[in-house]
Every structure is written in structure tokens, then in C-alpha cells.
Amino acid sequence: MKVGGVVSDRWLLGIELNFWAGSVGGARPSAHSLYSANAHFYPDPDRAFFLRGRIGLADFDLQKEGFGAGAPEGLGPVVGLGLDSTPSGNLTLTPFANVLVGIFDGVSSDVLQLGIGLTWH
């Protein structure tokens, strides 16, 4: 989920929340970055391709017997790219790829995120 606004014809700024959860080797890890500052940069304002960067807070929770439970917090940078496509006047489809990283004390959580965003405006 994200919210923000247009700063110029090349820059969009906002805040964003990403959440990831899954199971690995019998453990239930989850990692998410919270309320991160988000920037989209369009190298050519006449084109739909953009680069993005984000920095915020990440936490990691691993629940498995013998490991205990806890949620260390750390830095949560994100880099990515995408392409805006407008098939109709009010709908924008945005395929994207992001690399989400959680940097913690002794623990790392790295996620490749592929998806399609839908924006109705």
C-alpha cells in the first residue's frame, strides 16, 4: 500500500508499506518494512519507465522451536524499477520488480518482489 504525490514531471514522493510472509524449513518467518519514504524517478518524463528507491524500518520475526520468538528491527532499503501503462483513460497498470532488504543484527532478510500495480484515477 502506498500514498504520495507528484513533485515534478520526473519525481513522485510518498510513503509505503510492504509485507511478506511465508514458511521456510518448518519455520514461519515474516519480514516487512514499515512506513518507508519512497521516491520514483522517471529518467525521461515523456516515457513510462521509472526507477525507485526507498528507505525505512524493517523487522523480522522467525517463529521456530529452538529459536525463540522476537522481532529485531533494522534498516529496510528497497530498489526497483517499473513501467506505467495506461490501457484506458482511468486505469494504469504498472509491472514492477523490487529488491527488499532487511539489515538486522546478525539476521538478513532479502526478498525479490515481482508484481503488477493497478491504479484507478
N, C-alpha and C. Protein backbone atom coordinates (compact mmCIF):
# COMPACT_ATOMS: atom_id res chain seq x y z
N MET A 1 0.85 -1.15 0.00
CA MET A 1 0.00 0.00 0.00
C MET A 1 0.91 1.23 0.00
N LYS A 2 0.55 2.22 -0.81
CA LYS A 2 1.35 3.44 -0.84
C LYS A 2 0.47 4.64 -1.10
N VAL A 3 0.98 5.78 -0.66
CA VAL A 3 0.30 7.05 -0.88
C VAL A 3 1.38 8.12 -1.08
N GLY A 4 1.10 9.07 -1.95
CA GLY A 4 2.08 10.12 -2.20
C GLY A 4 1.57 11.10 -3.22
N GLY A 5 2.51 11.85 -3.80
CA GLY A 5 2.11 12.86 -4.76
C GLY A 5 3.22 13.19 -5.73
N VAL A 6 2.87 13.96 -6.74
CA VAL A 6 3.79 14.37 -7.79
C VAL A 6 4.52 15.63 -7.34
N VAL A 7 5.86 15.60 -7.39
CA VAL A 7 6.69 16.74 -7.03
C VAL A 7 7.08 17.53 -8.28
N SER A 8 7.39 16.80 -9.36
CA SER A 8 7.72 17.42 -10.64
C SER A 8 7.38 16.41 -11.73
N ASP A 9 7.70 16.72 -12.99
CA ASP A 9 7.39 15.77 -14.06
C ASP A 9 8.31 14.55 -14.03
N ARG A 10 9.36 14.56 -13.21
CA ARG A 10 10.27 13.43 -13.08
C ARG A 10 10.20 12.71 -11.73
N TRP A 11 9.62 13.34 -10.71
CA TRP A 11 9.68 12.79 -9.34
C TRP A 11 8.30 12.61 -8.73
N LEU A 12 8.09 11.45 -8.10
CA LEU A 12 6.94 11.18 -7.24
C LEU A 12 7.50 10.79 -5.88
N LEU A 13 6.94 11.33 -4.80
CA LEU A 13 7.39 11.03 -3.45
C LEU A 13 6.20 10.57 -2.61
N GLY A 14 6.46 9.69 -1.64
CA GLY A 14 5.38 9.24 -0.79
C GLY A 14 5.87 8.33 0.32
N ILE A 15 4.92 7.60 0.92
CA ILE A 15 5.24 6.59 1.92
C ILE A 15 4.61 5.27 1.48
N GLU A 16 5.16 4.15 1.98
CA GLU A 16 4.72 2.84 1.52
C GLU A 16 4.86 1.80 2.61
N LEU A 17 4.00 0.78 2.55
CA LEU A 17 4.06 -0.37 3.45
C LEU A 17 4.10 -1.63 2.60
N ASN A 18 5.10 -2.48 2.82
CA ASN A 18 5.17 -3.79 2.18
C ASN A 18 5.16 -4.85 3.26
N PHE A 19 4.55 -5.99 2.97
CA PHE A 19 4.52 -7.10 3.91
C PHE A 19 4.79 -8.38 3.15
N TRP A 20 5.61 -9.23 3.74
CA TRP A 20 5.90 -10.53 3.16
C TRP A 20 5.81 -11.56 4.26
N ALA A 21 5.19 -12.70 3.99
CA ALA A 21 5.11 -13.78 4.97
C ALA A 21 5.22 -15.10 4.22
N GLY A 22 5.82 -16.08 4.86
CA GLY A 22 5.96 -17.38 4.23
C GLY A 22 6.49 -18.40 5.21
N SER A 23 6.76 -19.58 4.71
CA SER A 23 7.28 -20.67 5.53
C SER A 23 8.54 -21.21 4.88
N VAL A 24 9.60 -21.35 5.67
CA VAL A 24 10.87 -21.86 5.17
C VAL A 24 11.38 -22.90 6.15
N GLY A 25 11.53 -24.15 5.71
CA GLY A 25 12.10 -25.20 6.54
C GLY A 25 11.37 -25.41 7.86
N GLY A 26 10.06 -25.34 7.86
CA GLY A 26 9.30 -25.56 9.09
C GLY A 26 9.18 -24.34 9.97
N ALA A 27 9.84 -23.26 9.60
CA ALA A 27 9.75 -22.03 10.38
C ALA A 27 8.75 -21.10 9.69
N ARG A 28 8.21 -20.20 10.46
CA ARG A 28 7.29 -19.19 9.92
C ARG A 28 7.94 -17.82 9.98
N PRO A 29 8.73 -17.46 8.98
CA PRO A 29 9.32 -16.12 9.02
C PRO A 29 8.37 -15.11 8.40
N SER A 30 8.48 -13.90 8.81
CA SER A 30 7.80 -12.80 8.12
C SER A 30 8.70 -11.58 8.24
N ALA A 31 8.74 -10.81 7.20
CA ALA A 31 9.54 -9.59 7.22
C ALA A 31 8.74 -8.50 6.53
N HIS A 32 8.77 -7.32 7.05
CA HIS A 32 8.09 -6.23 6.38
C HIS A 32 8.79 -4.93 6.69
N SER A 33 8.72 -4.00 5.77
CA SER A 33 9.27 -2.67 6.03
C SER A 33 8.10 -1.73 6.25
N LEU A 34 8.20 -0.90 7.24
CA LEU A 34 7.08 -0.08 7.67
C LEU A 34 7.29 1.40 7.36
N TYR A 35 6.29 2.03 6.84
CA TYR A 35 6.26 3.48 6.67
C TYR A 35 7.58 4.03 6.12
N SER A 36 7.99 3.50 5.00
CA SER A 36 9.24 3.95 4.41
C SER A 36 9.01 5.14 3.48
N ALA A 37 10.02 5.97 3.37
CA ALA A 37 10.00 7.06 2.40
C ALA A 37 10.28 6.47 1.03
N ASN A 38 9.52 6.90 0.04
CA ASN A 38 9.51 6.28 -1.27
C ASN A 38 9.71 7.35 -2.34
N ALA A 39 10.58 7.08 -3.33
CA ALA A 39 10.78 8.01 -4.44
C ALA A 39 10.76 7.25 -5.76
N HIS A 40 10.00 7.75 -6.73
CA HIS A 40 10.01 7.24 -8.10
C HIS A 40 10.66 8.32 -8.96
N PHE A 41 11.61 7.90 -9.79
CA PHE A 41 12.28 8.83 -10.70
C PHE A 41 12.06 8.37 -12.13
N TYR A 42 11.54 9.25 -12.97
CA TYR A 42 11.33 8.99 -14.39
C TYR A 42 12.47 9.66 -15.16
N PRO A 43 13.46 8.88 -15.68
CA PRO A 43 14.59 9.48 -16.39
C PRO A 43 14.16 10.35 -17.57
N ASP A 44 13.13 9.92 -18.28
CA ASP A 44 12.57 10.69 -19.39
C ASP A 44 11.09 10.92 -19.07
N PRO A 45 10.70 12.14 -18.78
CA PRO A 45 9.31 12.39 -18.37
C PRO A 45 8.28 12.04 -19.44
N ASP A 46 8.70 11.89 -20.69
CA ASP A 46 7.78 11.52 -21.76
C ASP A 46 7.63 10.00 -21.89
N ARG A 47 8.36 9.25 -21.10
CA ARG A 47 8.29 7.79 -21.14
C ARG A 47 7.72 7.27 -19.83
N ALA A 48 7.32 6.04 -19.79
CA ALA A 48 6.64 5.46 -18.62
C ALA A 48 7.59 4.68 -17.71
N PHE A 49 8.85 4.50 -18.11
CA PHE A 49 9.81 3.75 -17.31
C PHE A 49 10.26 4.56 -16.10
N PHE A 50 10.35 3.90 -14.93
CA PHE A 50 10.83 4.60 -13.74
C PHE A 50 11.76 3.72 -12.92
N LEU A 51 12.59 4.39 -12.14
CA LEU A 51 13.45 3.76 -11.13
C LEU A 51 12.90 4.16 -9.78
N ARG A 52 13.08 3.31 -8.78
CA ARG A 52 12.56 3.69 -7.47
C ARG A 52 13.55 3.32 -6.38
N GLY A 53 13.45 4.05 -5.31
CA GLY A 53 14.26 3.79 -4.13
C GLY A 53 13.43 4.08 -2.90
N ARG A 54 13.77 3.39 -1.83
CA ARG A 54 13.01 3.53 -0.60
C ARG A 54 13.92 3.25 0.58
N ILE A 55 13.68 3.93 1.68
CA ILE A 55 14.41 3.65 2.91
C ILE A 55 13.42 3.73 4.05
N GLY A 56 13.54 2.78 4.98
CA GLY A 56 12.60 2.76 6.10
C GLY A 56 13.01 1.77 7.16
N LEU A 57 12.06 1.39 7.96
CA LEU A 57 12.26 0.46 9.06
C LEU A 57 11.79 -0.92 8.65
N ALA A 58 12.59 -1.95 8.92
CA ALA A 58 12.21 -3.33 8.63
C ALA A 58 12.25 -4.11 9.93
N ASP A 59 11.40 -5.10 10.04
CA ASP A 59 11.54 -6.04 11.15
C ASP A 59 11.40 -7.46 10.65
N PHE A 60 11.93 -8.39 11.41
CA PHE A 60 11.99 -9.79 11.01
C PHE A 60 11.54 -10.62 12.20
N ASP A 61 10.63 -11.55 11.97
CA ASP A 61 10.12 -12.40 13.03
C ASP A 61 10.23 -13.84 12.57
N LEU A 62 11.00 -14.66 13.28
CA LEU A 62 11.16 -16.07 12.96
C LEU A 62 10.64 -16.88 14.12
N GLN A 63 9.58 -17.65 13.87
CA GLN A 63 8.96 -18.45 14.92
C GLN A 63 9.23 -19.92 14.63
N LYS A 64 10.21 -20.49 15.35
CA LYS A 64 10.55 -21.90 15.19
C LYS A 64 11.09 -22.39 16.51
N GLU A 65 10.73 -23.62 16.87
CA GLU A 65 11.18 -24.18 18.14
C GLU A 65 12.70 -24.16 18.20
N GLY A 66 13.24 -23.70 19.30
CA GLY A 66 14.68 -23.61 19.48
C GLY A 66 15.25 -22.25 19.12
N PHE A 67 14.48 -21.45 18.39
CA PHE A 67 14.96 -20.12 18.03
C PHE A 67 14.32 -19.03 18.87
N GLY A 68 13.24 -19.37 19.55
CA GLY A 68 12.53 -18.35 20.31
C GLY A 68 11.75 -17.45 19.37
N ALA A 69 11.16 -16.45 19.92
CA ALA A 69 10.41 -15.50 19.10
C ALA A 69 10.95 -14.11 19.36
N GLY A 70 10.91 -13.33 18.38
CA GLY A 70 11.38 -11.96 18.53
C GLY A 70 11.31 -11.27 17.20
N ALA A 71 11.37 -9.99 17.23
CA ALA A 71 11.30 -9.22 16.01
C ALA A 71 12.36 -8.14 16.03
N PRO A 72 13.59 -8.48 15.64
CA PRO A 72 14.61 -7.44 15.58
C PRO A 72 14.25 -6.41 14.52
N GLU A 73 14.59 -5.17 14.78
CA GLU A 73 14.33 -4.10 13.83
C GLU A 73 15.64 -3.63 13.22
N GLY A 74 15.55 -3.17 11.98
CA GLY A 74 16.74 -2.69 11.30
C GLY A 74 16.37 -1.84 10.12
N LEU A 75 17.37 -1.54 9.32
CA LEU A 75 17.22 -0.73 8.13
C LEU A 75 16.53 -1.54 7.04
N GLY A 76 15.65 -0.90 6.28
CA GLY A 76 14.93 -1.60 5.22
C GLY A 76 14.99 -0.89 3.88
N PRO A 77 16.13 -0.93 3.18
CA PRO A 77 16.20 -0.28 1.86
C PRO A 77 15.53 -1.13 0.78
N VAL A 78 15.04 -0.45 -0.26
CA VAL A 78 14.41 -1.10 -1.40
C VAL A 78 14.87 -0.38 -2.66
N VAL A 79 15.21 -1.15 -3.71
CA VAL A 79 15.48 -0.59 -5.03
C VAL A 79 14.61 -1.34 -6.03
N GLY A 80 14.24 -0.67 -7.10
CA GLY A 80 13.38 -1.34 -8.08
C GLY A 80 13.23 -0.53 -9.35
N LEU A 81 12.39 -1.07 -10.23
CA LEU A 81 12.07 -0.43 -11.49
C LEU A 81 10.68 -0.84 -11.91
N GLY A 82 10.09 -0.08 -12.81
CA GLY A 82 8.75 -0.39 -13.27
C GLY A 82 8.43 0.35 -14.55
N LEU A 83 7.23 0.07 -15.06
CA LEU A 83 6.78 0.66 -16.31
C LEU A 83 5.28 0.94 -16.19
N ASP A 84 4.89 2.20 -16.29
CA ASP A 84 3.48 2.58 -16.25
C ASP A 84 2.86 2.39 -17.62
N SER A 85 1.68 1.76 -17.66
CA SER A 85 0.95 1.56 -18.90
C SER A 85 -0.50 1.94 -18.66
N THR A 86 -1.07 2.72 -19.56
CA THR A 86 -2.44 3.18 -19.39
C THR A 86 -3.32 2.61 -20.51
N PRO A 87 -3.94 1.42 -20.26
CA PRO A 87 -4.77 0.81 -21.29
C PRO A 87 -6.09 1.55 -21.50
N SER A 88 -6.56 2.28 -20.49
CA SER A 88 -7.76 3.11 -20.64
C SER A 88 -7.51 4.42 -19.91
N GLY A 89 -8.36 5.40 -20.11
CA GLY A 89 -8.15 6.72 -19.55
C GLY A 89 -8.04 6.77 -18.04
N ASN A 90 -8.73 5.89 -17.32
CA ASN A 90 -8.76 5.95 -15.86
C ASN A 90 -7.95 4.87 -15.17
N LEU A 91 -7.38 3.95 -15.91
CA LEU A 91 -6.68 2.80 -15.32
C LEU A 91 -5.22 2.78 -15.75
N THR A 92 -4.31 2.63 -14.77
CA THR A 92 -2.89 2.47 -15.06
C THR A 92 -2.44 1.11 -14.51
N LEU A 93 -1.79 0.32 -15.37
CA LEU A 93 -1.17 -0.95 -14.97
C LEU A 93 0.33 -0.72 -14.88
N THR A 94 0.94 -1.20 -13.79
CA THR A 94 2.36 -0.97 -13.58
C THR A 94 3.07 -2.27 -13.20
N PRO A 95 3.65 -2.99 -14.18
CA PRO A 95 4.50 -4.12 -13.82
C PRO A 95 5.78 -3.57 -13.17
N PHE A 96 6.26 -4.28 -12.13
CA PHE A 96 7.42 -3.79 -11.41
C PHE A 96 8.24 -4.94 -10.85
N ALA A 97 9.49 -4.64 -10.52
CA ALA A 97 10.39 -5.56 -9.84
C ALA A 97 11.12 -4.77 -8.76
N ASN A 98 11.15 -5.30 -7.55
CA ASN A 98 11.82 -4.65 -6.42
C ASN A 98 12.69 -5.66 -5.70
N VAL A 99 13.74 -5.19 -5.09
CA VAL A 99 14.54 -5.98 -4.17
C VAL A 99 14.38 -5.33 -2.80
N LEU A 100 13.77 -6.06 -1.86
CA LEU A 100 13.57 -5.59 -0.49
C LEU A 100 14.64 -6.23 0.38
N VAL A 101 15.30 -5.44 1.18
CA VAL A 101 16.39 -5.95 2.03
C VAL A 101 16.09 -5.54 3.47
N GLY A 102 16.27 -6.47 4.38
CA GLY A 102 16.21 -6.17 5.81
C GLY A 102 17.59 -6.36 6.40
N ILE A 103 18.16 -5.35 6.99
CA ILE A 103 19.50 -5.41 7.57
C ILE A 103 19.36 -5.35 9.09
N PHE A 104 19.66 -6.48 9.75
CA PHE A 104 19.48 -6.61 11.18
C PHE A 104 20.80 -7.03 11.82
N ASP A 105 20.82 -7.06 13.12
CA ASP A 105 21.99 -7.51 13.87
C ASP A 105 22.08 -9.04 13.78
N GLY A 106 22.88 -9.55 12.84
CA GLY A 106 23.08 -10.99 12.70
C GLY A 106 22.05 -11.69 11.83
N VAL A 107 21.04 -11.00 11.33
CA VAL A 107 20.00 -11.62 10.50
C VAL A 107 19.79 -10.75 9.27
N SER A 108 19.59 -11.41 8.13
CA SER A 108 19.29 -10.68 6.90
C SER A 108 18.04 -11.28 6.27
N SER A 109 17.23 -10.43 5.69
CA SER A 109 16.02 -10.87 5.00
C SER A 109 15.99 -10.16 3.66
N ASP A 110 16.15 -10.92 2.57
CA ASP A 110 16.17 -10.36 1.23
C ASP A 110 15.03 -10.96 0.43
N VAL A 111 14.24 -10.12 -0.23
CA VAL A 111 13.07 -10.59 -0.97
C VAL A 111 13.06 -9.94 -2.35
N LEU A 112 12.88 -10.77 -3.39
CA LEU A 112 12.65 -10.26 -4.74
C LEU A 112 11.14 -10.20 -4.93
N GLN A 113 10.64 -9.03 -5.24
CA GLN A 113 9.20 -8.81 -5.38
C GLN A 113 8.90 -8.48 -6.84
N LEU A 114 8.04 -9.29 -7.45
CA LEU A 114 7.57 -9.05 -8.82
C LEU A 114 6.06 -8.88 -8.75
N GLY A 115 5.53 -7.92 -9.47
CA GLY A 115 4.09 -7.73 -9.39
C GLY A 115 3.57 -6.77 -10.44
N ILE A 116 2.26 -6.55 -10.36
CA ILE A 116 1.58 -5.58 -11.21
C ILE A 116 0.72 -4.71 -10.33
N GLY A 117 0.95 -3.41 -10.39
CA GLY A 117 0.14 -2.46 -9.64
C GLY A 117 -1.02 -1.98 -10.48
N LEU A 118 -2.16 -1.75 -9.85
CA LEU A 118 -3.34 -1.20 -10.51
C LEU A 118 -3.68 0.13 -9.86
N THR A 119 -3.83 1.17 -10.66
CA THR A 119 -4.20 2.47 -10.15
C THR A 119 -5.42 2.97 -10.91
N TRP A 120 -6.46 3.29 -10.19
CA TRP A 120 -7.66 3.89 -10.78
C TRP A 120 -7.66 5.37 -10.43
N HIS A 121 -7.72 6.22 -11.44
CA HIS A 121 -7.68 7.67 -11.19
C HIS A 121 -8.63 8.40 -12.09
